[in-house]
Amino acid sequence: MATVELYDKGGNLIGRIPIDNERCEELTSMTKDQLLFEVAGMVALAVRAESGLELTLNQVLNELGKVVVCGREEVIDGGNPAV
């Protein structure tokens, strides 16, 4: 089983999301922007399911410093990668 690792702006691991190998291949074939928005969507859905809190994709991205998806590391510069 592969994972998506979430890091805060200080470089600390704050969470892991297990994904299957097929999803891993899909995510790693995306552009950086696509990948980050997809991961932000996964986090927002998980938070909503766990706590009922609604977060936007930008709110999620603004709290993350980097993500590591199946070994592919992407640093989030200034939150929203589309800016």
N, C-alpha and C. Protein backbone atom coordinates (compact mmCIF):
# COMPACT_ATOMS: atom_id res chain seq x y z
N MET A 1 0.85 -1.18 0.00
CA MET A 1 0.00 0.00 0.00
C MET A 1 0.89 1.24 0.00
N ALA A 2 0.58 2.17 -0.87
CA ALA A 2 1.32 3.43 -0.99
C ALA A 2 0.69 4.48 -0.07
N THR A 3 1.38 5.60 0.07
CA THR A 3 0.86 6.65 0.95
C THR A 3 1.04 8.04 0.36
N VAL A 4 0.21 8.93 0.84
CA VAL A 4 0.36 10.37 0.64
C VAL A 4 0.74 10.91 2.00
N GLU A 5 1.90 11.55 2.08
CA GLU A 5 2.36 12.12 3.34
C GLU A 5 2.18 13.63 3.29
N LEU A 6 1.69 14.17 4.39
CA LEU A 6 1.40 15.60 4.50
C LEU A 6 2.34 16.23 5.51
N TYR A 7 2.97 17.34 5.13
CA TYR A 7 3.93 18.02 6.00
C TYR A 7 3.50 19.46 6.21
N ASP A 8 3.73 19.97 7.42
CA ASP A 8 3.43 21.37 7.68
C ASP A 8 4.56 22.25 7.15
N LYS A 9 4.43 23.54 7.31
CA LYS A 9 5.42 24.48 6.77
C LYS A 9 6.77 24.36 7.46
N GLY A 10 6.81 23.77 8.65
CA GLY A 10 8.06 23.55 9.35
C GLY A 10 8.74 22.25 8.96
N GLY A 11 8.14 21.49 8.05
CA GLY A 11 8.72 20.23 7.61
C GLY A 11 8.34 19.04 8.46
N ASN A 12 7.39 19.21 9.39
CA ASN A 12 6.97 18.12 10.26
C ASN A 12 5.87 17.29 9.61
N LEU A 13 5.99 15.98 9.67
CA LEU A 13 4.95 15.09 9.16
C LEU A 13 3.71 15.25 10.02
N ILE A 14 2.58 15.57 9.39
CA ILE A 14 1.34 15.78 10.15
C ILE A 14 0.27 14.75 9.81
N GLY A 15 0.48 13.96 8.76
CA GLY A 15 -0.52 12.95 8.44
C GLY A 15 -0.12 12.10 7.25
N ARG A 16 -0.76 10.94 7.19
CA ARG A 16 -0.57 10.01 6.07
C ARG A 16 -1.93 9.53 5.60
N ILE A 17 -2.08 9.41 4.30
CA ILE A 17 -3.30 8.86 3.72
C ILE A 17 -2.89 7.64 2.90
N PRO A 18 -3.37 6.46 3.25
CA PRO A 18 -3.04 5.28 2.45
C PRO A 18 -3.83 5.30 1.13
N ILE A 19 -3.15 4.93 0.06
CA ILE A 19 -3.80 4.82 -1.25
C ILE A 19 -3.33 3.54 -1.92
N ASP A 20 -4.13 3.05 -2.87
CA ASP A 20 -3.71 1.83 -3.57
C ASP A 20 -2.73 2.18 -4.70
N ASN A 21 -2.10 1.18 -5.26
CA ASN A 21 -1.06 1.41 -6.26
C ASN A 21 -1.61 2.05 -7.53
N GLU A 22 -2.84 1.72 -7.90
CA GLU A 22 -3.45 2.32 -9.09
C GLU A 22 -3.61 3.83 -8.90
N ARG A 23 -4.10 4.23 -7.73
CA ARG A 23 -4.27 5.66 -7.42
C ARG A 23 -2.91 6.35 -7.36
N CYS A 24 -1.92 5.64 -6.86
CA CYS A 24 -0.55 6.17 -6.80
C CYS A 24 -0.06 6.51 -8.21
N GLU A 25 -0.27 5.62 -9.15
CA GLU A 25 0.15 5.87 -10.53
C GLU A 25 -0.59 7.05 -11.13
N GLU A 26 -1.89 7.15 -10.86
CA GLU A 26 -2.67 8.29 -11.36
C GLU A 26 -2.11 9.61 -10.83
N LEU A 27 -1.88 9.66 -9.53
CA LEU A 27 -1.42 10.90 -8.91
C LEU A 27 -0.02 11.29 -9.38
N THR A 28 0.88 10.35 -9.47
CA THR A 28 2.26 10.69 -9.84
C THR A 28 2.39 11.07 -11.31
N SER A 29 1.39 10.76 -12.12
CA SER A 29 1.44 11.15 -13.53
C SER A 29 0.87 12.55 -13.77
N MET A 30 0.33 13.18 -12.74
CA MET A 30 -0.27 14.52 -12.86
C MET A 30 0.79 15.61 -12.79
N THR A 31 0.42 16.80 -13.29
CA THR A 31 1.28 17.96 -13.11
C THR A 31 1.29 18.32 -11.62
N LYS A 32 2.21 19.18 -11.23
CA LYS A 32 2.30 19.59 -9.82
C LYS A 32 0.98 20.20 -9.36
N ASP A 33 0.43 21.13 -10.14
CA ASP A 33 -0.81 21.79 -9.74
C ASP A 33 -1.96 20.79 -9.59
N GLN A 34 -2.10 19.90 -10.56
CA GLN A 34 -3.16 18.89 -10.50
C GLN A 34 -2.99 18.01 -9.26
N LEU A 35 -1.76 17.59 -9.02
CA LEU A 35 -1.47 16.73 -7.89
C LEU A 35 -1.82 17.40 -6.57
N LEU A 36 -1.40 18.66 -6.40
CA LEU A 36 -1.66 19.37 -5.15
C LEU A 36 -3.15 19.59 -4.92
N PHE A 37 -3.89 19.93 -5.96
CA PHE A 37 -5.32 20.12 -5.80
C PHE A 37 -6.03 18.80 -5.51
N GLU A 38 -5.55 17.72 -6.11
CA GLU A 38 -6.13 16.40 -5.84
C GLU A 38 -5.89 15.99 -4.39
N VAL A 39 -4.67 16.20 -3.90
CA VAL A 39 -4.35 15.89 -2.51
C VAL A 39 -5.16 16.78 -1.57
N ALA A 40 -5.27 18.06 -1.88
CA ALA A 40 -6.06 18.97 -1.05
C ALA A 40 -7.51 18.51 -0.98
N GLY A 41 -8.03 18.02 -2.09
CA GLY A 41 -9.40 17.48 -2.10
C GLY A 41 -9.54 16.26 -1.22
N MET A 42 -8.54 15.39 -1.24
CA MET A 42 -8.55 14.20 -0.39
C MET A 42 -8.55 14.61 1.09
N VAL A 43 -7.74 15.59 1.44
CA VAL A 43 -7.66 16.06 2.82
C VAL A 43 -8.98 16.70 3.23
N ALA A 44 -9.53 17.54 2.37
CA ALA A 44 -10.79 18.22 2.69
C ALA A 44 -11.92 17.21 2.92
N LEU A 45 -11.98 16.17 2.09
CA LEU A 45 -13.00 15.13 2.27
C LEU A 45 -12.80 14.37 3.58
N ALA A 46 -11.55 14.06 3.90
CA ALA A 46 -11.26 13.34 5.14
C ALA A 46 -11.64 14.17 6.36
N VAL A 47 -11.32 15.46 6.33
CA VAL A 47 -11.64 16.34 7.45
C VAL A 47 -13.16 16.46 7.59
N ARG A 48 -13.85 16.60 6.48
CA ARG A 48 -15.31 16.71 6.54
C ARG A 48 -15.94 15.44 7.10
N ALA A 49 -15.44 14.27 6.68
CA ALA A 49 -15.97 13.00 7.18
C ALA A 49 -15.68 12.81 8.66
N GLU A 50 -14.51 13.25 9.09
CA GLU A 50 -14.07 13.05 10.47
C GLU A 50 -14.72 14.04 11.44
N SER A 51 -14.78 15.32 11.02
CA SER A 51 -15.21 16.34 11.97
C SER A 51 -16.42 17.17 11.52
N GLY A 52 -16.80 17.01 10.27
CA GLY A 52 -17.90 17.82 9.74
C GLY A 52 -17.47 19.20 9.30
N LEU A 53 -16.20 19.53 9.46
CA LEU A 53 -15.67 20.84 9.10
C LEU A 53 -15.46 20.92 7.59
N GLU A 54 -15.99 21.97 6.98
CA GLU A 54 -15.84 22.19 5.54
C GLU A 54 -14.62 23.08 5.28
N LEU A 55 -13.65 22.57 4.56
CA LEU A 55 -12.47 23.35 4.19
C LEU A 55 -12.41 23.49 2.67
N THR A 56 -11.96 24.65 2.20
CA THR A 56 -11.73 24.81 0.77
C THR A 56 -10.36 24.22 0.44
N LEU A 57 -10.14 23.98 -0.84
CA LEU A 57 -8.84 23.47 -1.26
C LEU A 57 -7.73 24.46 -0.91
N ASN A 58 -7.99 25.74 -1.08
CA ASN A 58 -6.98 26.75 -0.74
C ASN A 58 -6.68 26.77 0.75
N GLN A 59 -7.68 26.57 1.59
CA GLN A 59 -7.43 26.53 3.04
C GLN A 59 -6.51 25.37 3.37
N VAL A 60 -6.73 24.22 2.76
CA VAL A 60 -5.87 23.06 3.00
C VAL A 60 -4.45 23.37 2.53
N LEU A 61 -4.32 23.86 1.31
CA LEU A 61 -2.99 24.12 0.75
C LEU A 61 -2.23 25.18 1.53
N ASN A 62 -2.94 26.15 2.08
CA ASN A 62 -2.28 27.20 2.85
C ASN A 62 -1.67 26.67 4.15
N GLU A 63 -2.11 25.53 4.62
CA GLU A 63 -1.59 24.95 5.86
C GLU A 63 -0.46 23.95 5.62
N LEU A 64 -0.28 23.53 4.39
CA LEU A 64 0.73 22.51 4.08
C LEU A 64 2.00 23.14 3.54
N GLY A 65 3.14 22.52 3.87
CA GLY A 65 4.43 22.96 3.35
C GLY A 65 4.88 22.11 2.18
N LYS A 66 4.54 20.82 2.25
CA LYS A 66 4.86 19.92 1.14
C LYS A 66 4.03 18.66 1.28
N VAL A 67 3.95 17.93 0.18
CA VAL A 67 3.34 16.61 0.17
C VAL A 67 4.31 15.65 -0.49
N VAL A 68 4.26 14.41 -0.07
CA VAL A 68 5.05 13.36 -0.70
C VAL A 68 4.06 12.28 -1.10
N VAL A 69 3.93 12.09 -2.41
CA VAL A 69 2.97 11.13 -2.96
C VAL A 69 3.75 10.01 -3.61
N CYS A 70 3.71 8.85 -2.99
CA CYS A 70 4.40 7.67 -3.52
C CYS A 70 5.86 7.97 -3.84
N GLY A 71 6.50 8.73 -2.97
CA GLY A 71 7.91 9.07 -3.14
C GLY A 71 8.15 10.37 -3.90
N ARG A 72 7.14 10.89 -4.58
CA ARG A 72 7.28 12.15 -5.32
C ARG A 72 7.01 13.32 -4.37
N GLU A 73 8.02 14.14 -4.15
CA GLU A 73 7.90 15.27 -3.23
C GLU A 73 7.56 16.54 -3.98
N GLU A 74 6.57 17.25 -3.49
CA GLU A 74 6.18 18.54 -4.06
C GLU A 74 6.08 19.56 -2.95
N VAL A 75 6.87 20.62 -3.04
CA VAL A 75 6.84 21.71 -2.07
C VAL A 75 5.76 22.68 -2.48
N ILE A 76 5.01 23.16 -1.49
CA ILE A 76 3.93 24.10 -1.74
C ILE A 76 4.44 25.48 -1.41
N ASP A 77 4.60 26.30 -2.43
CA ASP A 77 5.12 27.65 -2.27
C ASP A 77 3.99 28.63 -2.11
N GLY A 78 3.85 29.17 -0.91
CA GLY A 78 2.85 30.20 -0.67
C GLY A 78 1.42 29.73 -0.69
N GLY A 79 1.19 28.46 -0.49
CA GLY A 79 -0.17 27.94 -0.44
C GLY A 79 -0.68 27.52 -1.80
N ASN A 80 -1.39 28.39 -2.47
CA ASN A 80 -2.06 28.04 -3.73
C ASN A 80 -1.06 27.93 -4.87
N PRO A 81 -0.89 26.73 -5.47
CA PRO A 81 0.07 26.57 -6.55
C PRO A 81 -0.37 27.24 -7.84
N ALA A 82 -1.63 27.64 -7.94
CA ALA A 82 -2.13 28.26 -9.17
C ALA A 82 -1.80 29.74 -9.22
N VAL A 83 -1.32 30.29 -8.10
CA VAL A 83 -1.03 31.73 -8.05
C VAL A 83 0.36 31.98 -8.57
